[in-house]
Amino acid sequence: MTDGVSIIMPAYNEAGNLRKAVTSAAAVCKNLGVGYEVIIVNDGSTDGTGLIARSLAESNPRIRVIESAVNRGLGAGLKLGIAEARMRFVTLYPSDNEMSARSFRDLILARARAELVMAYMANPEARSPLRRLVSSVFVAGLNMCFGLSVRYYTGPFIARTRLLRDARLVSDGVTILAELRVKLARRNVKRIEIPFTFRMRRHGRASLFRFKTITQAAATLVELFGRS
């Protein structure tokens, strides 16, 4: 496996954000002199996301595109990317470009300090009171259930590819980010948390409260709790 970072970007209807997200992530790795590849998973988009993804791949051999005929969720896209990753580390970069370039740089550099680097939001006030409340309840509930003290379960991360493959992740939704934290914690993987700066998306809106997302989250939590 090549010493570098596989940047996975599941994208569902992100035509307005994808190009800037890919450009930002690639520029960080290039400036750091870190080997990288970008794996865009077009998750059943119905806008121009697929066309933009293929155009980016044609212009840069480090960019690959995986097409999903139907929308399956962030977790499904992440699992596809992990399976196809060629680099020693895997990271998730939001295709809505909601992570600052400085924060992504910090995440890439921190891979030398631990096998799993978890990012927590340094500026939660940037989100609505309802989003902050839901996040606080989710974090407190998982920490209580699994005896952990994680600050944030659904933020960006970087981890060794082999660990993620061995974890046998199952979630198709956003809770895959919580699942991987819980499963790697159970294996006593060396892990650290670092802050990241959240920035508002320029186009479209997040899908946190879609019915499908909520049911996927519930299924993952039941599966994890059953194994605790």
Protein backbone atom coordinates (compact mmCIF):
# COMPACT_ATOMS: atom_id res chain seq x y z
CA MET A 1 0.00 0.00 0.00
CA THR A 2 1.32 3.45 -0.95
CA ASP A 3 2.36 5.86 1.81
CA GLY A 4 -0.21 8.60 1.42
CA VAL A 5 -3.83 9.57 2.04
CA SER A 6 -6.97 8.36 0.31
CA ILE A 7 -9.49 11.23 0.52
CA ILE A 8 -13.00 9.84 0.24
CA MET A 9 -15.85 12.16 -0.76
CA PRO A 10 -19.33 10.67 -0.85
CA ALA A 11 -21.47 13.22 -2.71
CA TYR A 12 -25.23 13.45 -3.05
CA ASN A 13 -26.49 16.45 -5.05
CA GLU A 14 -23.42 18.56 -4.33
CA ALA A 15 -22.99 20.12 -7.77
CA GLY A 16 -22.64 23.55 -6.21
CA ASN A 17 -19.93 22.53 -3.74
CA LEU A 18 -18.00 19.54 -5.08
CA ARG A 19 -15.45 21.30 -7.28
CA LYS A 20 -14.30 23.62 -4.50
CA ALA A 21 -14.18 20.75 -2.02
CA VAL A 22 -11.95 18.62 -4.26
CA THR A 23 -9.74 21.57 -5.14
CA SER A 24 -9.32 22.53 -1.48
CA ALA A 25 -8.47 19.02 -0.28
CA ALA A 26 -6.04 18.35 -3.14
CA ALA A 27 -4.29 21.70 -2.61
CA VAL A 28 -3.66 20.92 1.06
CA CYS A 29 -1.98 17.60 0.24
CA LYS A 30 0.02 19.11 -2.60
CA ASN A 31 1.27 21.95 -0.40
CA LEU A 32 2.30 19.47 2.30
CA GLY A 33 4.03 17.20 -0.18
CA VAL A 34 1.80 14.29 0.85
CA GLY A 35 0.84 11.60 -1.64
CA TYR A 36 -2.91 11.48 -2.14
CA GLU A 37 -5.84 10.27 -4.17
CA VAL A 38 -9.41 11.58 -4.17
CA ILE A 39 -12.20 9.02 -4.43
CA ILE A 40 -15.50 10.70 -5.23
CA VAL A 41 -18.53 8.49 -4.67
CA ASN A 42 -21.45 9.89 -6.63
CA ASP A 43 -24.24 8.63 -4.40
CA GLY A 44 -27.18 8.54 -6.78
CA SER A 45 -27.18 12.29 -7.39
CA THR A 46 -29.93 13.76 -9.54
CA ASP A 47 -28.19 17.08 -10.28
CA GLY A 48 -24.89 17.71 -12.06
CA THR A 49 -22.69 16.11 -9.39
CA GLY A 50 -21.76 13.15 -11.58
CA LEU A 51 -20.76 15.32 -14.54
CA ILE A 52 -18.58 17.52 -12.35
CA ALA A 53 -16.97 14.50 -10.70
CA ARG A 54 -16.09 12.93 -14.05
CA SER A 55 -14.74 16.24 -15.32
CA LEU A 56 -12.47 16.53 -12.29
CA ALA A 57 -11.22 12.97 -12.79
CA GLU A 58 -10.41 13.67 -16.44
CA SER A 59 -8.27 16.64 -15.44
CA ASN A 60 -6.39 14.94 -12.59
CA PRO A 61 -5.23 11.29 -12.60
CA ARG A 62 -5.25 11.29 -8.78
CA ILE A 63 -9.05 11.62 -8.81
CA ARG A 64 -11.31 8.60 -9.28
CA VAL A 65 -15.09 8.37 -9.41
CA ILE A 66 -17.33 5.57 -8.13
CA GLU A 67 -20.92 5.70 -9.34
CA SER A 68 -23.85 4.48 -7.25
CA ALA A 69 -27.11 4.17 -9.17
CA VAL A 70 -29.21 4.97 -6.11
CA ASN A 71 -28.74 7.13 -3.03
CA ARG A 72 -27.56 4.85 -0.22
CA GLY A 73 -26.05 7.26 2.28
CA LEU A 74 -22.72 8.62 3.47
CA GLY A 75 -21.76 5.37 5.18
CA ALA A 76 -22.31 3.32 2.05
CA GLY A 77 -20.15 5.75 0.09
CA LEU A 78 -17.42 5.68 2.70
CA LYS A 79 -17.35 1.87 2.69
CA LEU A 80 -17.02 1.83 -1.10
CA GLY A 81 -14.13 4.27 -0.85
CA ILE A 82 -12.37 2.29 1.88
CA ALA A 83 -12.60 -0.86 -0.24
CA GLU A 84 -10.99 0.95 -3.19
CA ALA A 85 -8.38 2.95 -1.24
CA ARG A 86 -4.77 2.52 -2.36
CA MET A 87 -3.10 4.67 0.29
CA ARG A 88 -1.99 3.82 3.82
CA PHE A 89 -4.40 6.28 5.43
CA VAL A 90 -8.05 7.06 4.74
CA THR A 91 -9.78 10.32 5.50
CA LEU A 92 -13.23 11.71 4.83
CA TYR A 93 -13.53 15.19 3.36
CA PRO A 94 -17.05 16.68 3.21
CA SER A 95 -18.19 17.14 -0.38
CA ASP A 96 -20.18 20.19 0.78
CA ASN A 97 -16.81 21.82 1.65
CA GLU A 98 -17.84 22.51 5.26
CA MET A 99 -14.32 21.95 6.60
CA SER A 100 -11.71 24.70 6.46
CA ALA A 101 -8.47 24.03 4.58
CA ARG A 102 -6.48 24.84 7.73
CA SER A 103 -8.39 22.22 9.69
CA PHE A 104 -7.86 19.63 6.98
CA ARG A 105 -4.15 20.42 7.01
CA ASP A 106 -4.07 19.84 10.77
CA LEU A 107 -5.88 16.53 10.32
CA ILE A 108 -3.42 15.28 7.69
CA LEU A 109 -0.42 16.24 9.83
CA ALA A 110 -1.87 14.60 12.94
CA ARG A 111 -1.81 11.15 11.31
CA ALA A 112 1.76 10.76 12.58
CA ARG A 113 0.54 10.96 16.18
CA ALA A 114 -2.10 8.22 16.29
CA GLU A 115 -3.75 5.41 14.35
CA LEU A 116 -7.10 7.21 14.55
CA VAL A 117 -7.40 11.00 14.61
CA MET A 118 -10.89 12.29 15.39
CA ALA A 119 -11.89 15.90 14.79
CA TYR A 120 -14.35 17.76 17.00
CA MET A 121 -16.07 21.02 16.15
CA ALA A 122 -14.20 24.03 17.55
CA ASN A 123 -17.00 26.49 16.68
CA PRO A 124 -20.33 24.77 17.45
CA GLU A 125 -22.01 28.17 17.62
CA ALA A 126 -21.85 28.22 13.81
CA ARG A 127 -24.72 25.72 13.78
CA SER A 128 -28.33 26.24 14.79
CA PRO A 129 -29.44 25.69 18.40
CA LEU A 130 -31.42 22.61 17.30
CA ARG A 131 -28.39 21.04 15.61
CA ARG A 132 -26.28 21.72 18.71
CA LEU A 133 -28.91 20.15 20.96
CA VAL A 134 -29.21 17.02 18.82
CA SER A 135 -25.42 16.68 18.69
CA SER A 136 -25.05 17.09 22.47
CA VAL A 137 -27.69 14.46 23.20
CA PHE A 138 -26.15 12.07 20.66
CA VAL A 139 -22.64 12.44 22.09
CA ALA A 140 -23.77 12.11 25.71
CA GLY A 141 -25.85 9.04 24.90
CA LEU A 142 -23.06 7.21 23.10
CA ASN A 143 -20.49 8.04 25.75
CA MET A 144 -22.82 6.72 28.44
CA CYS A 145 -23.67 3.53 26.50
CA PHE A 146 -20.10 2.64 25.59
CA GLY A 147 -18.11 4.08 28.48
CA LEU A 148 -16.20 6.52 26.27
CA SER A 149 -15.35 10.23 26.51
CA VAL A 150 -15.40 11.21 22.84
CA ARG A 151 -16.13 14.89 22.21
CA TYR A 152 -17.78 14.53 18.82
CA TYR A 153 -18.88 11.40 16.98
CA THR A 154 -19.76 12.57 13.48
CA GLY A 155 -16.83 14.80 12.56
CA PRO A 156 -13.95 14.25 10.12
CA PHE A 157 -11.27 11.66 10.86
CA ILE A 158 -8.11 10.09 9.49
CA ALA A 159 -7.17 6.47 10.20
CA ARG A 160 -5.03 3.63 8.92
CA THR A 161 -6.76 1.91 6.03
CA ARG A 162 -6.14 -1.61 7.35
CA LEU A 163 -7.86 -0.77 10.64
CA LEU A 164 -10.97 0.47 8.88
CA ARG A 165 -11.12 -2.62 6.70
CA ASP A 166 -10.69 -4.89 9.71
CA ALA A 167 -13.47 -3.04 11.56
CA ARG A 168 -16.11 -4.43 9.17
CA LEU A 169 -18.24 -1.30 9.23
CA VAL A 170 -21.94 -1.84 8.55
CA SER A 171 -23.75 1.51 8.67
CA ASP A 172 -24.93 3.08 5.43
CA GLY A 173 -25.71 6.41 7.08
CA VAL A 174 -23.81 9.20 8.80
CA THR A 175 -23.59 7.13 11.97
CA ILE A 176 -20.78 5.16 10.35
CA LEU A 177 -18.60 7.92 11.80
CA ALA A 178 -19.76 6.97 15.30
CA GLU A 179 -19.52 3.27 14.49
CA LEU A 180 -15.87 3.44 13.49
CA ARG A 181 -14.98 5.40 16.62
CA VAL A 182 -16.70 2.89 18.90
CA LYS A 183 -15.28 -0.16 17.14
CA LEU A 184 -11.72 1.13 17.05
CA ALA A 185 -11.96 2.21 20.70
CA ARG A 186 -12.91 -1.34 21.62
CA ARG A 187 -9.73 -2.53 19.94
CA ASN A 188 -7.66 -0.08 22.02
CA VAL A 189 -6.40 1.67 18.91
CA LYS A 190 -4.23 4.68 19.74
CA ARG A 191 -6.47 7.69 19.12
CA ILE A 192 -6.48 11.43 19.66
CA GLU A 193 -8.95 14.27 19.14
CA ILE A 194 -8.16 17.60 17.51
CA PRO A 195 -10.39 20.61 16.76
CA PHE A 196 -11.67 21.55 13.34
CA THR A 197 -13.37 24.73 12.15
CA PHE A 198 -16.82 24.26 10.64
CA ARG A 199 -17.90 26.58 7.85
CA MET A 200 -21.35 26.90 6.37
CA ARG A 201 -22.02 25.29 3.02
CA ARG A 202 -22.38 27.69 0.11
CA HIS A 203 -25.05 25.75 -1.79
CA GLY A 204 -27.87 23.39 -0.85
CA ARG A 205 -28.67 22.16 2.62
CA ALA A 206 -27.63 19.27 4.85
CA SER A 207 -29.73 16.10 5.01
CA LEU A 208 -29.36 15.33 8.73
CA PHE A 209 -33.08 15.15 9.42
CA ARG A 210 -34.16 13.12 6.40
CA PHE A 211 -36.28 10.13 7.48
CA LYS A 212 -33.83 7.76 5.80
CA THR A 213 -30.92 9.25 7.74
CA ILE A 214 -32.74 8.91 11.05
CA THR A 215 -33.68 5.26 10.45
CA GLN A 216 -30.11 4.42 9.41
CA ALA A 217 -28.83 6.04 12.61
CA ALA A 218 -31.26 4.04 14.75
CA ALA A 219 -30.28 0.76 13.08
CA THR A 220 -26.57 1.40 13.65
CA LEU A 221 -27.06 2.27 17.31
CA VAL A 222 -29.06 -0.91 17.87
CA GLU A 223 -26.32 -2.96 16.20
CA LEU A 224 -23.55 -1.35 18.23
CA PHE A 225 -25.40 -1.59 21.54
CA GLY A 226 -26.15 -5.25 20.89
CA ARG A 227 -22.43 -5.92 20.71
CA SER A 228 -21.51 -3.89 23.78
